Amino acid sequence: MKDEPNIARLWTGQTTHQEAEAYYRHVREKVIPKLKEIEGHKAAYVLCRPIGERIEFLVMTVWDSMTSIRKFAGAEAERAVVAPEAKAVLFSFDEFVRHYEILS
């Protein structure tokens, strides 16, 4: 068995204070349940912070390999996956994600 480090996939998006609950509900009810069905998905964390008139969300998912990430994101694994339902309530969002090896 190949010993690969886990990989964190990070993405940020911003919305208004009024739309923050709608975005979080979408992630909680639609995205996370689908992620749990993908082999190699290990965890999902949703963080938020106020930035003036906006709320910024940082979504970090943890995977066992880039192969597993591609099961979710497709061949262009660095491109963000943002559903139309999420785009409808987001003010701005990253078009690309960042991947990091988890060292500890």
C-alpha atoms as a PDB file:
ATOM      1  CA  MET A   1       0.000   0.000   0.000  1.00  0.00           C
ATOM      2  CA  LYS A   2       1.398   3.365  -1.048  1.00  0.00           C
ATOM      3  CA  ASP A   3       1.882   5.759   1.863  1.00  0.00           C
ATOM      4  CA  GLU A   4       0.623   9.145   0.603  1.00  0.00           C
ATOM      5  CA  PRO A   5      -0.012  12.161   2.820  1.00  0.00           C
ATOM      6  CA  ASN A   6      -3.557  13.394   3.166  1.00  0.00           C
ATOM      7  CA  ILE A   7      -4.382  16.453   1.104  1.00  0.00           C
ATOM      8  CA  ALA A   8      -6.332  19.518   2.195  1.00  0.00           C
ATOM      9  CA  ARG A   9      -8.358  21.327  -0.471  1.00  0.00           C
ATOM     10  CA  LEU A  10      -9.041  24.981   0.417  1.00  0.00           C
ATOM     11  CA  TRP A  11     -11.480  27.418  -1.149  1.00  0.00           C
ATOM     12  CA  THR A  12     -12.964  30.753  -0.096  1.00  0.00           C
ATOM     13  CA  GLY A  13     -16.103  32.625  -0.989  1.00  0.00           C
ATOM     14  CA  GLN A  14     -17.826  35.740   0.296  1.00  0.00           C
ATOM     15  CA  THR A  15     -21.466  36.577   0.741  1.00  0.00           C
ATOM     16  CA  THR A  16     -23.587  39.149   2.504  1.00  0.00           C
ATOM     17  CA  HIS A  17     -24.664  38.800   6.112  1.00  0.00           C
ATOM     18  CA  GLN A  18     -28.212  38.197   4.829  1.00  0.00           C
ATOM     19  CA  GLU A  19     -27.190  35.339   2.513  1.00  0.00           C
ATOM     20  CA  ALA A  20     -24.671  33.652   4.830  1.00  0.00           C
ATOM     21  CA  GLU A  21     -27.196  31.208   6.311  1.00  0.00           C
ATOM     22  CA  ALA A  22     -28.457  30.241   2.836  1.00  0.00           C
ATOM     23  CA  TYR A  23     -24.912  29.458   1.707  1.00  0.00           C
ATOM     24  CA  TYR A  24     -24.097  27.481   4.841  1.00  0.00           C
ATOM     25  CA  ARG A  25     -27.362  25.529   4.558  1.00  0.00           C
ATOM     26  CA  HIS A  26     -26.462  24.617   0.954  1.00  0.00           C
ATOM     27  CA  VAL A  27     -23.055  23.314   2.053  1.00  0.00           C
ATOM     28  CA  ARG A  28     -24.468  21.459   5.061  1.00  0.00           C
ATOM     29  CA  GLU A  29     -27.445  19.878   3.284  1.00  0.00           C
ATOM     30  CA  LYS A  30     -26.196  19.339  -0.270  1.00  0.00           C
ATOM     31  CA  VAL A  31     -22.397  19.415  -0.530  1.00  0.00           C
ATOM     32  CA  ILE A  32     -21.222  17.592   2.594  1.00  0.00           C
ATOM     33  CA  PRO A  33     -23.594  14.608   2.165  1.00  0.00           C
ATOM     34  CA  LYS A  34     -22.338  14.158  -1.430  1.00  0.00           C
ATOM     35  CA  LEU A  35     -18.712  14.389  -0.319  1.00  0.00           C
ATOM     36  CA  LYS A  36     -19.263  11.646   2.247  1.00  0.00           C
ATOM     37  CA  GLU A  37     -20.244   9.283  -0.585  1.00  0.00           C
ATOM     38  CA  ILE A  38     -16.907   9.720  -2.397  1.00  0.00           C
ATOM     39  CA  GLU A  39     -14.260   7.142  -1.595  1.00  0.00           C
ATOM     40  CA  GLY A  40     -11.190   8.876  -0.224  1.00  0.00           C
ATOM     41  CA  HIS A  41     -13.010  11.840   1.292  1.00  0.00           C
ATOM     42  CA  LYS A  42     -12.020  12.123   4.959  1.00  0.00           C
ATOM     43  CA  ALA A  43     -13.444  15.358   6.386  1.00  0.00           C
ATOM     44  CA  ALA A  44     -14.977  18.745   5.637  1.00  0.00           C
ATOM     45  CA  TYR A  45     -14.634  21.935   7.649  1.00  0.00           C
ATOM     46  CA  VAL A  46     -16.538  25.161   7.069  1.00  0.00           C
ATOM     47  CA  LEU A  47     -15.097  28.267   8.693  1.00  0.00           C
ATOM     48  CA  CYS A  48     -16.429  31.798   8.514  1.00  0.00           C
ATOM     49  CA  ARG A  49     -15.475  35.306   9.555  1.00  0.00           C
ATOM     50  CA  PRO A  50     -16.969  38.749   9.096  1.00  0.00           C
ATOM     51  CA  ILE A  51     -15.093  41.112   6.797  1.00  0.00           C
ATOM     52  CA  GLY A  52     -16.869  44.456   6.957  1.00  0.00           C
ATOM     53  CA  GLU A  53     -20.173  44.119   5.120  1.00  0.00           C
ATOM     54  CA  ARG A  54     -19.398  40.554   4.013  1.00  0.00           C
ATOM     55  CA  ILE A  55     -19.037  37.107   5.502  1.00  0.00           C
ATOM     56  CA  GLU A  56     -16.116  35.062   4.209  1.00  0.00           C
ATOM     57  CA  PHE A  57     -16.333  31.286   4.194  1.00  0.00           C
ATOM     58  CA  LEU A  58     -13.267  29.096   4.040  1.00  0.00           C
ATOM     59  CA  VAL A  59     -14.095  25.517   3.104  1.00  0.00           C
ATOM     60  CA  MET A  60     -11.454  22.885   3.725  1.00  0.00           C
ATOM     61  CA  THR A  61     -11.968  19.314   2.668  1.00  0.00           C
ATOM     62  CA  VAL A  62      -9.521  16.525   3.454  1.00  0.00           C
ATOM     63  CA  TRP A  63      -8.777  13.717   1.043  1.00  0.00           C
ATOM     64  CA  ASP A  64      -6.533  10.668   0.946  1.00  0.00           C
ATOM     65  CA  SER A  65      -5.095  11.477  -2.514  1.00  0.00           C
ATOM     66  CA  MET A  66      -5.361  13.630  -5.631  1.00  0.00           C
ATOM     67  CA  THR A  67      -7.057  10.645  -7.271  1.00  0.00           C
ATOM     68  CA  SER A  68      -9.880  10.940  -4.747  1.00  0.00           C
ATOM     69  CA  ILE A  69     -10.100  14.695  -5.286  1.00  0.00           C
ATOM     70  CA  ARG A  70     -10.513  14.123  -9.023  1.00  0.00           C
ATOM     71  CA  LYS A  71     -13.524  11.902  -8.275  1.00  0.00           C
ATOM     72  CA  PHE A  72     -15.139  15.062  -6.924  1.00  0.00           C
ATOM     73  CA  ALA A  73     -13.613  17.828  -9.040  1.00  0.00           C
ATOM     74  CA  GLY A  74     -12.871  16.106 -12.336  1.00  0.00           C
ATOM     75  CA  ALA A  75      -9.680  16.179 -14.392  1.00  0.00           C
ATOM     76  CA  GLU A  76      -9.032  19.871 -13.645  1.00  0.00           C
ATOM     77  CA  ALA A  77      -8.697  19.336  -9.908  1.00  0.00           C
ATOM     78  CA  GLU A  78      -7.482  22.894  -9.281  1.00  0.00           C
ATOM     79  CA  ARG A  79     -10.710  24.393 -10.642  1.00  0.00           C
ATOM     80  CA  ALA A  80     -13.313  25.195  -7.972  1.00  0.00           C
ATOM     81  CA  VAL A  81     -16.594  23.290  -7.964  1.00  0.00           C
ATOM     82  CA  VAL A  82     -19.322  25.852  -7.229  1.00  0.00           C
ATOM     83  CA  ALA A  83     -22.935  24.823  -7.763  1.00  0.00           C
ATOM     84  CA  PRO A  84     -25.397  27.306  -9.298  1.00  0.00           C
ATOM     85  CA  GLU A  85     -27.295  27.346  -5.986  1.00  0.00           C
ATOM     86  CA  ALA A  86     -24.135  28.559  -4.231  1.00  0.00           C
ATOM     87  CA  LYS A  87     -23.260  31.060  -6.960  1.00  0.00           C
ATOM     88  CA  ALA A  88     -26.707  32.609  -6.518  1.00  0.00           C
ATOM     89  CA  VAL A  89     -25.922  33.695  -2.949  1.00  0.00           C
ATOM     90  CA  LEU A  90     -22.176  34.355  -3.145  1.00  0.00           C
ATOM     91  CA  PHE A  91     -20.847  37.871  -3.730  1.00  0.00           C
ATOM     92  CA  SER A  92     -17.454  36.554  -4.869  1.00  0.00           C
ATOM     93  CA  PHE A  93     -15.561  33.262  -4.787  1.00  0.00           C
ATOM     94  CA  ASP A  94     -12.288  31.642  -5.786  1.00  0.00           C
ATOM     95  CA  GLU A  95     -12.266  30.211  -9.284  1.00  0.00           C
ATOM     96  CA  PHE A  96      -9.408  27.930  -8.272  1.00  0.00           C
ATOM     97  CA  VAL A  97      -8.654  26.008  -5.086  1.00  0.00           C
ATOM     98  CA  ARG A  98      -5.403  25.416  -3.251  1.00  0.00           C
ATOM     99  CA  HIS A  99      -4.162  21.957  -2.342  1.00  0.00           C
ATOM    100  CA  TYR A 100      -1.806  21.347   0.570  1.00  0.00           C
ATOM    101  CA  GLU A 101      -0.193  18.157   1.837  1.00  0.00           C
ATOM    102  CA  ILE A 102      -1.056  17.665   5.487  1.00  0.00           C
ATOM    103  CA  LEU A 103       2.177  17.156   7.370  1.00  0.00           C
ATOM    104  CA  SER A 104       0.831  16.897  10.910  1.00  0.00           C
END
